[in-house]
């Protein structure tokens, strides 16, 4: 009887959602300072722009996904680019027994949230090596970004359905 209970418990655990971070790595990093050394003579009051994007790829059939957080940071003084940093911070995550919208949320918000501090640290380090003041990016609300993207997709789908019915 106890063996049957253990086997049933084992089968239940196999169907439980599973999540594991397997690896975090820097996939690509680029730093440009096209107007140095002239830009060092200007008063340092830059306008900093941050663009970010996420993508994911399924790796095989074992529930592994590569999630890539791509950030582009541009600092300008007036109309001169002080520096431009592009980074792709990536991670391999094992996600099993999670489907649909919950899987989309994990890949589009939860995993990028784990990767962001690593990307932020790499950006700060390369900016310092370029002889610029530290740049500590503010935290990003990936849940809100994911919700906006999901809403936009739903609106686009509804818009294309309306066009097809007319």
N, C-alpha and C. Protein backbone atom coordinates (compact mmCIF):
# COMPACT_ATOMS: atom_id res chain seq x y z
N UNK A 1 0.83 -1.19 0.00
CA UNK A 1 0.00 0.00 0.00
C UNK A 1 0.87 1.25 0.00
N UNK A 2 1.91 1.28 0.81
CA UNK A 2 2.80 2.44 0.89
C UNK A 2 3.51 2.66 -0.43
N UNK A 3 3.85 1.54 -1.13
CA UNK A 3 4.52 1.67 -2.43
C UNK A 3 3.61 2.35 -3.43
N UNK A 4 2.32 2.02 -3.42
CA UNK A 4 1.36 2.66 -4.32
C UNK A 4 1.24 4.15 -4.03
N UNK A 5 1.23 4.52 -2.74
CA UNK A 5 1.15 5.92 -2.35
C UNK A 5 2.39 6.68 -2.83
N UNK A 6 3.57 6.05 -2.68
CA UNK A 6 4.81 6.70 -3.13
C UNK A 6 4.82 6.85 -4.64
N UNK A 7 4.36 5.85 -5.37
CA UNK A 7 4.32 5.93 -6.83
C UNK A 7 3.34 7.02 -7.26
N UNK A 8 2.21 7.12 -6.60
CA UNK A 8 1.23 8.16 -6.94
C UNK A 8 1.82 9.53 -6.65
N UNK A 9 2.50 9.67 -5.53
CA UNK A 9 3.12 10.94 -5.17
C UNK A 9 4.21 11.29 -6.18
N UNK A 10 4.96 10.30 -6.63
CA UNK A 10 6.00 10.53 -7.64
C UNK A 10 5.41 11.01 -8.95
N UNK A 11 4.30 10.42 -9.37
CA UNK A 11 3.63 10.86 -10.61
C UNK A 11 3.08 12.26 -10.46
N UNK A 12 2.55 12.59 -9.27
CA UNK A 12 2.04 13.94 -9.04
C UNK A 12 3.16 14.96 -9.15
N UNK A 13 4.31 14.66 -8.57
CA UNK A 13 5.45 15.59 -8.60
C UNK A 13 5.95 15.80 -10.02
N UNK A 14 5.85 14.78 -10.88
CA UNK A 14 6.31 14.93 -12.25
C UNK A 14 5.46 15.92 -13.02
N UNK A 15 4.20 16.09 -12.60
CA UNK A 15 3.30 17.01 -13.29
C UNK A 15 3.28 18.40 -12.67
N UNK A 16 4.02 18.60 -11.59
CA UNK A 16 4.09 19.90 -10.94
C UNK A 16 4.92 20.85 -11.80
N UNK A 17 4.57 22.14 -11.82
CA UNK A 17 5.40 23.10 -12.55
C UNK A 17 6.83 23.09 -12.00
N UNK A 18 7.79 23.13 -12.91
CA UNK A 18 9.20 23.13 -12.52
C UNK A 18 9.90 24.30 -13.21
N UNK A 19 10.78 24.95 -12.46
CA UNK A 19 11.55 26.07 -12.99
C UNK A 19 12.95 25.98 -12.41
N UNK A 20 13.95 26.12 -13.28
CA UNK A 20 15.34 26.13 -12.81
C UNK A 20 16.18 27.00 -13.73
N UNK A 21 16.98 27.83 -13.13
CA UNK A 21 17.95 28.63 -13.87
C UNK A 21 19.16 27.74 -14.09
N UNK A 22 19.55 27.54 -15.34
CA UNK A 22 20.65 26.64 -15.62
C UNK A 22 21.94 27.37 -15.96
N UNK A 23 21.83 28.55 -16.58
CA UNK A 23 23.04 29.28 -16.96
C UNK A 23 22.67 30.72 -17.29
N UNK A 24 23.54 31.65 -16.89
CA UNK A 24 23.42 33.06 -17.30
C UNK A 24 24.72 33.42 -17.99
N UNK A 25 24.62 34.07 -19.13
CA UNK A 25 25.83 34.40 -19.88
C UNK A 25 25.63 35.67 -20.70
N UNK A 26 26.74 36.29 -21.01
CA UNK A 26 26.77 37.47 -21.86
C UNK A 26 26.90 37.00 -23.29
N UNK A 27 25.89 37.28 -24.10
CA UNK A 27 25.87 36.80 -25.48
C UNK A 27 26.55 37.79 -26.42
N UNK A 28 26.37 39.09 -26.17
CA UNK A 28 26.95 40.11 -27.03
C UNK A 28 27.06 41.41 -26.23
N UNK A 29 28.15 42.15 -26.46
CA UNK A 29 28.35 43.43 -25.80
C UNK A 29 29.11 44.34 -26.73
N UNK A 30 28.60 45.56 -26.91
CA UNK A 30 29.24 46.53 -27.78
C UNK A 30 29.23 47.89 -27.08
N UNK A 31 30.35 48.60 -27.16
CA UNK A 31 30.46 49.95 -26.59
C UNK A 31 31.09 50.85 -27.63
N UNK A 32 30.47 51.99 -27.87
CA UNK A 32 31.02 52.98 -28.80
C UNK A 32 31.01 54.34 -28.13
N UNK A 33 32.08 55.08 -28.35
CA UNK A 33 32.16 56.47 -27.90
C UNK A 33 32.65 57.30 -29.08
N UNK A 34 31.75 57.58 -30.03
CA UNK A 34 32.17 58.17 -31.31
C UNK A 34 32.71 59.59 -31.22
N UNK A 35 32.39 60.32 -30.16
CA UNK A 35 32.83 61.71 -30.07
C UNK A 35 33.87 61.96 -28.99
N UNK A 36 34.55 60.91 -28.55
CA UNK A 36 35.61 61.15 -27.58
C UNK A 36 36.90 61.46 -28.34
N UNK A 37 37.76 62.24 -27.81
CA UNK A 37 37.77 62.80 -26.46
C UNK A 37 37.05 64.14 -26.34
N UNK A 38 36.52 64.69 -27.43
CA UNK A 38 35.86 65.99 -27.38
C UNK A 38 34.70 66.01 -26.39
N UNK A 39 33.96 64.92 -26.30
CA UNK A 39 32.78 64.86 -25.44
C UNK A 39 33.16 65.01 -23.96
N UNK A 40 34.39 64.68 -23.59
CA UNK A 40 34.82 64.81 -22.19
C UNK A 40 34.95 66.28 -21.78
N UNK A 41 35.03 67.19 -22.73
CA UNK A 41 35.18 68.61 -22.43
C UNK A 41 33.83 69.27 -22.17
N UNK A 42 32.75 68.64 -22.57
CA UNK A 42 31.41 69.19 -22.35
C UNK A 42 30.96 68.94 -20.90
N UNK A 43 30.04 69.81 -20.44
CA UNK A 43 29.47 69.59 -19.11
C UNK A 43 28.63 68.32 -19.16
N UNK A 44 28.81 67.45 -18.18
CA UNK A 44 28.18 66.13 -18.19
C UNK A 44 26.74 66.21 -17.69
N UNK A 45 25.81 66.47 -18.61
CA UNK A 45 24.38 66.42 -18.33
C UNK A 45 23.72 65.71 -19.51
N UNK A 46 23.92 64.41 -19.60
CA UNK A 46 23.43 63.68 -20.78
C UNK A 46 21.94 63.38 -20.73
N UNK A 47 21.38 63.19 -21.92
CA UNK A 47 20.05 62.61 -22.04
C UNK A 47 20.30 61.13 -22.33
N UNK A 48 19.80 60.28 -21.45
CA UNK A 48 20.03 58.84 -21.59
C UNK A 48 18.74 58.18 -22.07
N UNK A 49 18.86 57.39 -23.12
CA UNK A 49 17.73 56.67 -23.67
C UNK A 49 17.99 55.17 -23.54
N UNK A 50 16.98 54.45 -23.10
CA UNK A 50 17.08 52.99 -22.95
C UNK A 50 16.02 52.33 -23.82
N UNK A 51 16.47 51.44 -24.70
CA UNK A 51 15.56 50.60 -25.47
C UNK A 51 15.80 49.17 -25.02
N UNK A 52 14.72 48.43 -24.82
CA UNK A 52 14.91 47.03 -24.43
C UNK A 52 13.95 46.14 -25.18
N UNK A 53 14.38 44.89 -25.31
CA UNK A 53 13.59 43.89 -26.02
C UNK A 53 13.92 42.54 -25.41
N UNK A 54 12.98 41.63 -25.48
CA UNK A 54 13.24 40.26 -25.02
C UNK A 54 12.85 39.29 -26.12
N UNK A 55 13.53 38.18 -26.14
CA UNK A 55 13.18 37.11 -27.07
C UNK A 55 13.49 35.78 -26.39
N UNK A 56 12.92 34.73 -26.92
CA UNK A 56 13.20 33.40 -26.36
C UNK A 56 13.16 32.36 -27.47
N UNK A 57 13.90 31.29 -27.22
CA UNK A 57 13.98 30.17 -28.16
C UNK A 57 13.89 28.88 -27.36
N UNK A 58 13.06 27.96 -27.82
CA UNK A 58 12.99 26.65 -27.17
C UNK A 58 14.18 25.83 -27.63
N UNK A 59 14.83 25.17 -26.68
CA UNK A 59 16.00 24.34 -26.96
C UNK A 59 15.63 22.88 -26.77
N UNK A 60 15.32 22.17 -27.82
CA UNK A 60 15.00 20.75 -27.73
C UNK A 60 13.65 20.50 -27.08
N UNK A 61 13.47 19.27 -26.61
CA UNK A 61 12.19 18.84 -26.04
C UNK A 61 12.23 18.65 -24.53
N UNK A 62 13.28 19.12 -23.88
CA UNK A 62 13.44 18.89 -22.45
C UNK A 62 12.97 20.07 -21.60
N UNK A 63 12.22 21.01 -22.19
CA UNK A 63 11.71 22.14 -21.44
C UNK A 63 12.74 23.24 -21.21
N UNK A 64 13.80 23.25 -22.01
CA UNK A 64 14.83 24.28 -21.87
C UNK A 64 14.54 25.42 -22.85
N UNK A 65 14.74 26.64 -22.36
CA UNK A 65 14.54 27.84 -23.17
C UNK A 65 15.72 28.77 -22.99
N UNK A 66 16.14 29.38 -24.09
CA UNK A 66 17.10 30.47 -24.01
C UNK A 66 16.28 31.75 -24.04
N UNK A 67 16.49 32.60 -23.06
CA UNK A 67 15.84 33.90 -23.00
C UNK A 67 16.93 34.95 -23.16
N UNK A 68 16.72 35.90 -24.09
CA UNK A 68 17.71 36.94 -24.36
C UNK A 68 17.08 38.30 -24.07
N UNK A 69 17.74 39.05 -23.20
CA UNK A 69 17.35 40.42 -22.89
C UNK A 69 18.31 41.33 -23.65
N UNK A 70 17.78 42.11 -24.58
CA UNK A 70 18.60 43.02 -25.39
C UNK A 70 18.35 44.45 -24.92
N UNK A 71 19.43 45.15 -24.58
CA UNK A 71 19.34 46.54 -24.14
C UNK A 71 20.23 47.41 -25.00
N UNK A 72 19.75 48.59 -25.34
CA UNK A 72 20.55 49.59 -26.02
C UNK A 72 20.45 50.88 -25.21
N UNK A 73 21.59 51.37 -24.76
CA UNK A 73 21.64 52.60 -23.97
C UNK A 73 22.40 53.64 -24.79
N UNK A 74 21.76 54.78 -25.01
CA UNK A 74 22.39 55.88 -25.75
C UNK A 74 22.44 57.09 -24.84
N UNK A 75 23.63 57.66 -24.64
CA UNK A 75 23.79 58.89 -23.86
C UNK A 75 24.24 59.98 -24.81
N UNK A 76 23.47 61.08 -24.83
CA UNK A 76 23.78 62.21 -25.71
C UNK A 76 23.93 63.48 -24.90
N UNK A 77 24.84 64.32 -25.34
CA UNK A 77 24.97 65.67 -24.82
C UNK A 77 24.63 66.58 -26.00
N UNK A 78 23.53 67.31 -25.85
CA UNK A 78 22.96 68.07 -26.96
C UNK A 78 22.69 67.09 -28.10
N UNK A 79 23.32 67.29 -29.25
CA UNK A 79 23.07 66.37 -30.37
C UNK A 79 24.24 65.41 -30.61
N UNK A 80 25.22 65.42 -29.69
CA UNK A 80 26.39 64.54 -29.84
C UNK A 80 26.21 63.28 -29.00
N UNK A 81 26.48 62.14 -29.61
CA UNK A 81 26.43 60.88 -28.88
C UNK A 81 27.69 60.75 -28.03
N UNK A 82 27.51 60.67 -26.71
CA UNK A 82 28.64 60.46 -25.81
C UNK A 82 29.04 58.99 -25.86
N UNK A 83 28.05 58.12 -25.71
CA UNK A 83 28.33 56.68 -25.85
C UNK A 83 27.06 55.93 -26.20
N UNK A 84 27.29 54.75 -26.73
CA UNK A 84 26.23 53.83 -27.12
C UNK A 84 26.65 52.45 -26.64
N UNK A 85 25.79 51.81 -25.84
CA UNK A 85 26.06 50.46 -25.34
C UNK A 85 24.94 49.55 -25.83
N UNK A 86 25.31 48.43 -26.42
CA UNK A 86 24.35 47.40 -26.80
C UNK A 86 24.77 46.10 -26.13
N UNK A 87 23.82 45.46 -25.49
CA UNK A 87 24.12 44.21 -24.78
C UNK A 87 23.00 43.21 -25.00
N UNK A 88 23.40 41.96 -25.10
CA UNK A 88 22.45 40.85 -25.09
C UNK A 88 22.85 39.96 -23.92
N UNK A 89 22.07 40.04 -22.85
CA UNK A 89 22.28 39.20 -21.67
C UNK A 89 21.33 38.03 -21.81
N UNK A 90 21.86 36.82 -21.71
CA UNK A 90 21.04 35.63 -21.97
C UNK A 90 21.09 34.66 -20.80
N UNK A 91 20.12 33.77 -20.81
CA UNK A 91 20.08 32.72 -19.81
C UNK A 91 19.39 31.50 -20.37
N UNK A 92 19.75 30.34 -19.84
CA UNK A 92 19.07 29.10 -20.18
C UNK A 92 18.25 28.70 -18.95
N UNK A 93 16.96 28.52 -19.18
CA UNK A 93 16.03 28.20 -18.11
C UNK A 93 15.31 26.90 -18.44
N UNK A 94 15.12 26.06 -17.43
CA UNK A 94 14.34 24.85 -17.59
C UNK A 94 12.96 25.15 -17.02
N UNK A 95 11.95 25.04 -17.88
CA UNK A 95 10.57 25.30 -17.48
C UNK A 95 9.73 24.13 -17.96
N UNK A 96 9.19 23.37 -17.00
CA UNK A 96 8.38 22.19 -17.34
C UNK A 96 7.01 22.30 -16.71
N UNK A 97 6.04 21.71 -17.39
CA UNK A 97 4.67 21.63 -16.91
C UNK A 97 4.04 23.01 -16.69
N UNK A 98 4.45 23.95 -17.51
CA UNK A 98 3.87 25.29 -17.52
C UNK A 98 3.49 25.56 -18.97
N UNK A 99 2.26 26.00 -19.19
CA UNK A 99 1.80 26.18 -20.56
C UNK A 99 1.05 27.49 -20.73
N UNK A 100 0.77 27.80 -21.97
CA UNK A 100 -0.11 28.92 -22.32
C UNK A 100 0.39 30.26 -21.83
N UNK A 101 -0.54 31.03 -21.29
CA UNK A 101 -0.24 32.39 -20.87
C UNK A 101 0.76 32.41 -19.71
N UNK A 102 0.72 31.41 -18.85
CA UNK A 102 1.66 31.36 -17.73
C UNK A 102 3.09 31.16 -18.25
N UNK A 103 3.27 30.32 -19.26
CA UNK A 103 4.59 30.13 -19.86
C UNK A 103 5.04 31.42 -20.54
N UNK A 104 4.13 32.07 -21.26
CA UNK A 104 4.45 33.34 -21.90
C UNK A 104 4.90 34.38 -20.90
N UNK A 105 4.23 34.43 -19.75
CA UNK A 105 4.60 35.39 -18.71
C UNK A 105 5.98 35.08 -18.15
N UNK A 106 6.27 33.80 -17.93
CA UNK A 106 7.58 33.43 -17.39
C UNK A 106 8.69 33.83 -18.36
N UNK A 107 8.47 33.53 -19.67
CA UNK A 107 9.50 33.83 -20.68
C UNK A 107 9.59 35.32 -20.99
N UNK A 108 8.47 36.04 -20.89
CA UNK A 108 8.45 37.44 -21.26
C UNK A 108 8.66 38.42 -20.13
N UNK A 109 8.51 37.97 -18.87
CA UNK A 109 8.64 38.89 -17.74
C UNK A 109 9.52 38.32 -16.62
N UNK A 110 9.23 37.11 -16.18
CA UNK A 110 9.94 36.56 -15.03
C UNK A 110 11.43 36.33 -15.33
N UNK A 111 11.73 35.67 -16.45
CA UNK A 111 13.13 35.40 -16.81
C UNK A 111 13.91 36.69 -17.11
N UNK A 112 13.34 37.63 -17.89
CA UNK A 112 14.07 38.90 -18.11
C UNK A 112 14.34 39.64 -16.80
N UNK A 113 13.43 39.52 -15.84
CA UNK A 113 13.64 40.16 -14.55
C UNK A 113 14.86 39.57 -13.83
N UNK A 114 15.11 38.30 -14.02
CA UNK A 114 16.31 37.66 -13.45
C UNK A 114 17.56 38.13 -14.17
N UNK A 115 17.48 38.31 -15.50
CA UNK A 115 18.65 38.69 -16.30
C UNK A 115 19.03 40.16 -16.15
N UNK A 116 18.07 41.03 -15.85
CA UNK A 116 18.32 42.46 -15.87
C UNK A 116 19.47 42.92 -14.96
N UNK A 117 19.57 42.46 -13.71
CA UNK A 117 20.69 42.93 -12.88
C UNK A 117 22.07 42.61 -13.48
N UNK A 118 22.19 41.49 -14.17
CA UNK A 118 23.46 41.13 -14.81
C UNK A 118 23.77 42.09 -15.95
N UNK A 119 22.75 42.41 -16.74
CA UNK A 119 22.93 43.35 -17.85
C UNK A 119 23.27 44.74 -17.31
N UNK A 120 22.58 45.15 -16.26
CA UNK A 120 22.82 46.47 -15.66
C UNK A 120 24.25 46.58 -15.15
N UNK A 121 24.75 45.53 -14.52
CA UNK A 121 26.13 45.54 -14.01
C UNK A 121 27.13 45.60 -15.16
N UNK A 122 26.89 44.84 -16.23
CA UNK A 122 27.80 44.84 -17.38
C UNK A 122 27.82 46.21 -18.05
N UNK A 123 26.66 46.84 -18.17
CA UNK A 123 26.59 48.17 -18.77
C UNK A 123 27.36 49.18 -17.92
N UNK A 124 27.15 49.16 -16.61
CA UNK A 124 27.85 50.07 -15.73
C UNK A 124 29.36 49.89 -15.84
N UNK A 125 29.81 48.64 -15.89
CA UNK A 125 31.24 48.36 -15.97
C UNK A 125 31.86 48.88 -17.26
N UNK A 126 31.19 48.66 -18.39
CA UNK A 126 31.76 49.09 -19.66
C UNK A 126 31.72 50.61 -19.79
N UNK A 127 30.69 51.25 -19.23
CA UNK A 127 30.61 52.72 -19.25
C UNK A 127 31.76 53.30 -18.44
N UNK A 128 32.04 52.71 -17.28
CA UNK A 128 33.17 53.16 -16.46
C UNK A 128 34.50 52.97 -17.18
N UNK A 129 34.65 51.87 -17.89
CA UNK A 129 35.89 51.63 -18.65
C UNK A 129 36.03 52.61 -19.80
N UNK A 130 34.92 53.17 -20.25
CA UNK A 130 34.96 54.20 -21.29
C UNK A 130 35.26 55.58 -20.71
N UNK A 131 35.52 55.65 -19.40
CA UNK A 131 35.87 56.87 -18.68
C UNK A 131 34.68 57.81 -18.49
N UNK A 132 33.48 57.23 -18.40
CA UNK A 132 32.28 58.01 -18.13
C UNK A 132 31.81 57.72 -16.72
N UNK A 133 31.02 58.64 -16.14
CA UNK A 133 30.48 58.39 -14.79
C UNK A 133 29.59 57.14 -14.78
N UNK A 134 29.47 56.55 -13.62
CA UNK A 134 28.65 55.34 -13.45
C UNK A 134 27.24 55.56 -13.96
N UNK A 135 26.69 54.50 -14.51
CA UNK A 135 25.31 54.52 -14.98
C UNK A 135 24.59 53.35 -14.34
N UNK A 136 23.79 53.63 -13.35
CA UNK A 136 22.99 52.59 -12.73
C UNK A 136 21.57 52.73 -13.23
N UNK A 137 21.19 51.85 -14.14
CA UNK A 137 19.84 51.89 -14.70
C UNK A 137 18.81 51.60 -13.62
N UNK A 138 17.71 52.33 -13.69
CA UNK A 138 16.61 52.10 -12.75
C UNK A 138 15.99 50.73 -13.02
N UNK A 139 15.41 50.12 -12.00
CA UNK A 139 14.72 48.84 -12.22
C UNK A 139 13.64 48.98 -13.28
N UNK A 140 13.38 47.88 -13.95
CA UNK A 140 12.39 47.83 -15.03
C UNK A 140 11.26 46.91 -14.58
N UNK A 141 10.01 47.34 -14.83
CA UNK A 141 8.86 46.53 -14.49
C UNK A 141 8.50 45.66 -15.71
N UNK A 142 9.10 44.48 -15.77
CA UNK A 142 8.88 43.59 -16.91
C UNK A 142 7.45 43.04 -16.94
N UNK A 143 6.81 42.95 -15.78
CA UNK A 143 5.41 42.50 -15.75
C UNK A 143 4.53 43.50 -16.51
N UNK A 144 4.74 44.80 -16.27
CA UNK A 144 3.94 45.82 -16.95
C UNK A 144 4.24 45.83 -18.45
N UNK A 145 5.50 45.69 -18.81
CA UNK A 145 5.88 45.66 -20.23
C UNK A 145 5.24 44.46 -20.92
N UNK A 146 5.28 43.31 -20.27
CA UNK A 146 4.68 42.10 -20.84
C UNK A 146 3.17 42.28 -21.00
N UNK A 147 2.52 42.87 -19.99
CA UNK A 147 1.07 43.09 -20.05
C UNK A 147 0.72 44.04 -21.19
N UNK A 148 1.51 45.10 -21.39
CA UNK A 148 1.27 46.03 -22.50
C UNK A 148 1.43 45.32 -23.85
N UNK A 149 2.47 44.51 -23.98
CA UNK A 149 2.70 43.78 -25.24
C UNK A 149 1.56 42.81 -25.51
N UNK A 150 1.08 42.14 -24.49
CA UNK A 150 -0.03 41.20 -24.63
C UNK A 150 -1.30 41.94 -25.06
N UNK A 151 -1.57 43.08 -24.44
CA UNK A 151 -2.74 43.89 -24.78
C UNK A 151 -2.64 44.38 -26.23
N UNK A 152 -1.45 44.82 -26.64
CA UNK A 152 -1.24 45.30 -28.01
C UNK A 152 -1.49 44.18 -29.01
N UNK A 153 -1.00 42.97 -28.71
CA UNK A 153 -1.24 41.82 -29.60
C UNK A 153 -2.72 41.51 -29.72
N UNK A 154 -3.44 41.57 -28.59
CA UNK A 154 -4.87 41.29 -28.61
C UNK A 154 -5.62 42.34 -29.42
N UNK A 155 -5.22 43.61 -29.27
CA UNK A 155 -5.87 44.68 -30.04
C UNK A 155 -5.58 44.53 -31.53
N UNK A 156 -4.34 44.16 -31.88
CA UNK A 156 -3.98 43.95 -33.28
C UNK A 156 -4.77 42.77 -33.86
N UNK A 157 -4.91 41.71 -33.08
CA UNK A 157 -5.67 40.54 -33.55
C UNK A 157 -7.14 40.91 -33.75
N UNK A 158 -7.68 41.69 -32.82
CA UNK A 158 -9.08 42.12 -32.95
C UNK A 158 -9.22 43.04 -34.16
N UNK A 159 -8.26 43.90 -34.41
CA UNK A 159 -8.30 44.80 -35.56
C UNK A 159 -8.22 44.04 -36.88
N UNK A 160 -7.39 43.02 -36.94
CA UNK A 160 -7.28 42.24 -38.19
C UNK A 160 -8.53 41.40 -38.42
N UNK A 161 -9.19 40.95 -37.35
CA UNK A 161 -10.44 40.20 -37.50
C UNK A 161 -11.53 41.11 -38.06
N UNK A 162 -11.56 42.38 -37.60
CA UNK A 162 -12.56 43.32 -38.10
C UNK A 162 -12.35 43.58 -39.59
N UNK A 163 -11.10 43.70 -40.02
CA UNK A 163 -10.80 43.94 -41.43
C UNK A 163 -11.24 42.76 -42.29
N UNK A 164 -11.09 41.54 -41.76
CA UNK A 164 -11.45 40.35 -42.52
C UNK A 164 -12.96 40.21 -42.65
N UNK A 165 -13.72 40.69 -41.66
CA UNK A 165 -15.18 40.55 -41.72
C UNK A 165 -15.82 41.62 -42.60
N UNK A 166 -15.12 42.68 -42.91
CA UNK A 166 -15.71 43.75 -43.73
C UNK A 166 -15.42 43.56 -45.18
